[in-house]
Amino acid sequence: RGCLEALHSVTMRVIDGLVAGNFEEEGVLDRVLQWKNAVLVPWTHSVVGPDAFLQSQWEAQLEYAASECFVHVRMKELFDLVTEYPDSLPAVRELSVALDRTGRLWYQTLAHEWRNALMARLLHPGAE
């Protein structure tokens, strides 16, 4: 369990560095997945061993984790994605792809985050 938490923490930190604030560039999600394939997959394979890697379907779990972390980073930036539109269109499209990769599990959370962003930024006196 501790290893999984550490792995998720590192994954989130790296993906946040690759993704945050990068709205206009296409291929950001692809770079995240390339990092997963170049770093996470080989490291996990070496730690758990080849048999456990295949049996536990680590490849799929790491794919899901990378997409999930991508979605989390973009959820924190929802308001900015909207205010930067149409420049942020590449980021919006990639968020849609990442949501599809997670089985659309995060749509309700995304809606709540959007509501919270609107309330925090617009629904108070002096909002810009």
Protein backbone atom coordinates (compact mmCIF):
# COMPACT_ATOMS: atom_id res chain seq x y z
CA ARG A 1 0.00 0.00 0.00
CA GLY A 2 2.78 2.44 0.88
CA CYS A 3 4.51 1.76 -2.41
CA LEU A 4 1.32 2.54 -4.33
CA GLU A 5 0.83 5.80 -2.46
CA ALA A 6 4.43 6.83 -3.13
CA LEU A 7 4.08 5.90 -6.78
CA HIS A 8 0.88 7.93 -7.08
CA SER A 9 2.46 10.90 -5.32
CA VAL A 10 5.46 10.93 -7.64
CA THR A 11 3.24 10.45 -10.67
CA MET A 12 1.04 13.37 -9.64
CA ARG A 13 4.03 15.63 -9.02
CA VAL A 14 5.65 14.86 -12.37
CA ILE A 15 2.41 15.16 -14.32
CA ASP A 16 1.59 18.44 -12.59
CA GLY A 17 4.97 19.75 -13.76
CA LEU A 18 4.35 18.60 -17.32
CA VAL A 19 0.76 19.79 -17.59
CA ALA A 20 -0.06 22.75 -15.31
CA GLY A 21 -0.61 26.00 -17.15
CA ASN A 22 0.19 24.51 -20.53
CA PHE A 23 -3.09 25.18 -22.33
CA GLU A 24 -2.16 26.06 -25.89
CA GLU A 25 0.27 23.28 -26.76
CA GLU A 26 -1.00 20.07 -28.34
CA GLY A 27 0.40 16.70 -27.32
CA VAL A 28 0.69 17.34 -23.58
CA LEU A 29 -1.26 14.18 -22.75
CA ASP A 30 0.95 12.27 -25.19
CA ARG A 31 4.04 13.50 -23.33
CA VAL A 32 2.51 12.34 -20.05
CA LEU A 33 1.91 8.88 -21.51
CA GLN A 34 5.41 8.80 -23.00
CA TRP A 35 6.83 9.59 -19.54
CA LYS A 36 4.70 6.76 -18.14
CA ASN A 37 6.08 4.34 -20.72
CA ALA A 38 9.67 5.51 -20.38
CA VAL A 39 9.85 5.79 -16.58
CA LEU A 40 6.91 4.32 -14.67
CA VAL A 41 6.46 1.09 -16.61
CA PRO A 42 10.14 0.01 -16.53
CA TRP A 43 10.54 1.02 -12.88
CA THR A 44 7.39 -0.81 -11.77
CA HIS A 45 8.35 -3.84 -13.85
CA SER A 46 11.73 -3.99 -12.11
CA VAL A 47 10.23 -3.55 -8.64
CA VAL A 48 7.35 -6.04 -8.82
CA GLY A 49 8.97 -8.49 -11.25
CA PRO A 50 7.79 -9.64 -14.65
CA ASP A 51 5.27 -12.24 -13.46
CA ALA A 52 3.54 -9.95 -10.97
CA PHE A 53 3.64 -7.11 -13.51
CA LEU A 54 1.64 -9.17 -16.00
CA GLN A 55 -0.64 -10.88 -13.47
CA SER A 56 -1.64 -7.67 -11.74
CA GLN A 57 -2.08 -5.80 -15.03
CA TRP A 58 0.28 -3.03 -13.98
CA GLU A 59 0.41 -1.58 -17.49
CA ALA A 60 -3.33 -0.85 -17.42
CA GLN A 61 -3.17 0.43 -13.84
CA LEU A 62 -0.36 2.84 -14.71
CA GLU A 63 -2.25 4.03 -17.81
CA TYR A 64 -5.28 4.74 -15.66
CA ALA A 65 -3.21 6.47 -12.96
CA ALA A 66 -1.49 8.74 -15.49
CA SER A 67 -4.83 9.70 -17.07
CA GLU A 68 -6.38 10.24 -13.65
CA CYS A 69 -3.53 12.53 -12.56
CA PHE A 70 -3.87 14.47 -15.83
CA VAL A 71 -7.59 14.96 -15.13
CA HIS A 72 -6.86 16.14 -11.57
CA VAL A 73 -4.37 18.75 -12.78
CA ARG A 74 -6.78 20.06 -15.41
CA MET A 75 -9.68 20.11 -12.90
CA LYS A 76 -7.72 22.60 -10.81
CA GLU A 77 -7.44 24.78 -13.92
CA LEU A 78 -11.03 24.63 -15.21
CA PHE A 79 -11.77 28.30 -14.81
CA ASP A 80 -8.56 29.24 -16.60
CA LEU A 81 -9.34 26.81 -19.41
CA VAL A 82 -12.63 28.61 -19.98
CA THR A 83 -11.24 32.14 -19.72
CA GLU A 84 -8.39 31.27 -22.10
CA TYR A 85 -10.70 29.75 -24.70
CA PRO A 86 -10.17 29.39 -27.72
CA ASP A 87 -6.43 29.34 -26.98
CA SER A 88 -7.01 26.54 -24.48
CA LEU A 89 -8.84 24.30 -26.97
CA PRO A 90 -5.95 21.78 -27.15
CA ALA A 91 -6.10 21.40 -23.36
CA VAL A 92 -9.88 20.97 -23.41
CA ARG A 93 -9.63 18.28 -26.08
CA GLU A 94 -6.94 16.42 -24.16
CA LEU A 95 -9.00 16.63 -20.97
CA SER A 96 -11.83 14.93 -22.86
CA VAL A 97 -9.49 12.15 -24.00
CA ALA A 98 -8.15 11.67 -20.47
CA LEU A 99 -11.71 11.52 -19.11
CA ASP A 100 -12.51 8.82 -21.66
CA ARG A 101 -9.42 6.86 -20.56
CA THR A 102 -10.66 6.89 -16.97
CA GLY A 103 -14.05 5.53 -17.99
CA ARG A 104 -15.66 8.94 -17.51
CA LEU A 105 -15.55 8.31 -13.79
CA TRP A 106 -14.57 11.90 -13.05
CA TYR A 107 -17.39 13.77 -14.81
CA GLN A 108 -19.36 14.41 -11.63
CA THR A 109 -16.23 15.58 -9.82
CA LEU A 110 -15.43 17.81 -12.79
CA ALA A 111 -18.90 19.36 -12.58
CA HIS A 112 -18.44 20.04 -8.85
CA GLU A 113 -15.02 21.58 -9.47
CA TRP A 114 -16.49 23.82 -12.17
CA ARG A 115 -19.27 24.92 -9.81
CA ASN A 116 -16.74 25.64 -7.06
CA ALA A 117 -14.53 27.61 -9.46
CA LEU A 118 -17.49 29.72 -10.57
CA MET A 119 -18.55 30.37 -7.00
CA ALA A 120 -15.03 31.26 -5.90
CA ARG A 121 -14.26 33.53 -8.84
CA LEU A 122 -17.51 35.06 -9.97
CA LEU A 123 -20.18 34.90 -7.32
CA HIS A 124 -18.73 37.34 -4.83
CA PRO A 125 -18.42 41.14 -4.73
CA GLY A 126 -15.51 42.53 -6.68
CA ALA A 127 -15.10 39.51 -8.98
CA GLU A 128 -13.32 40.18 -12.22
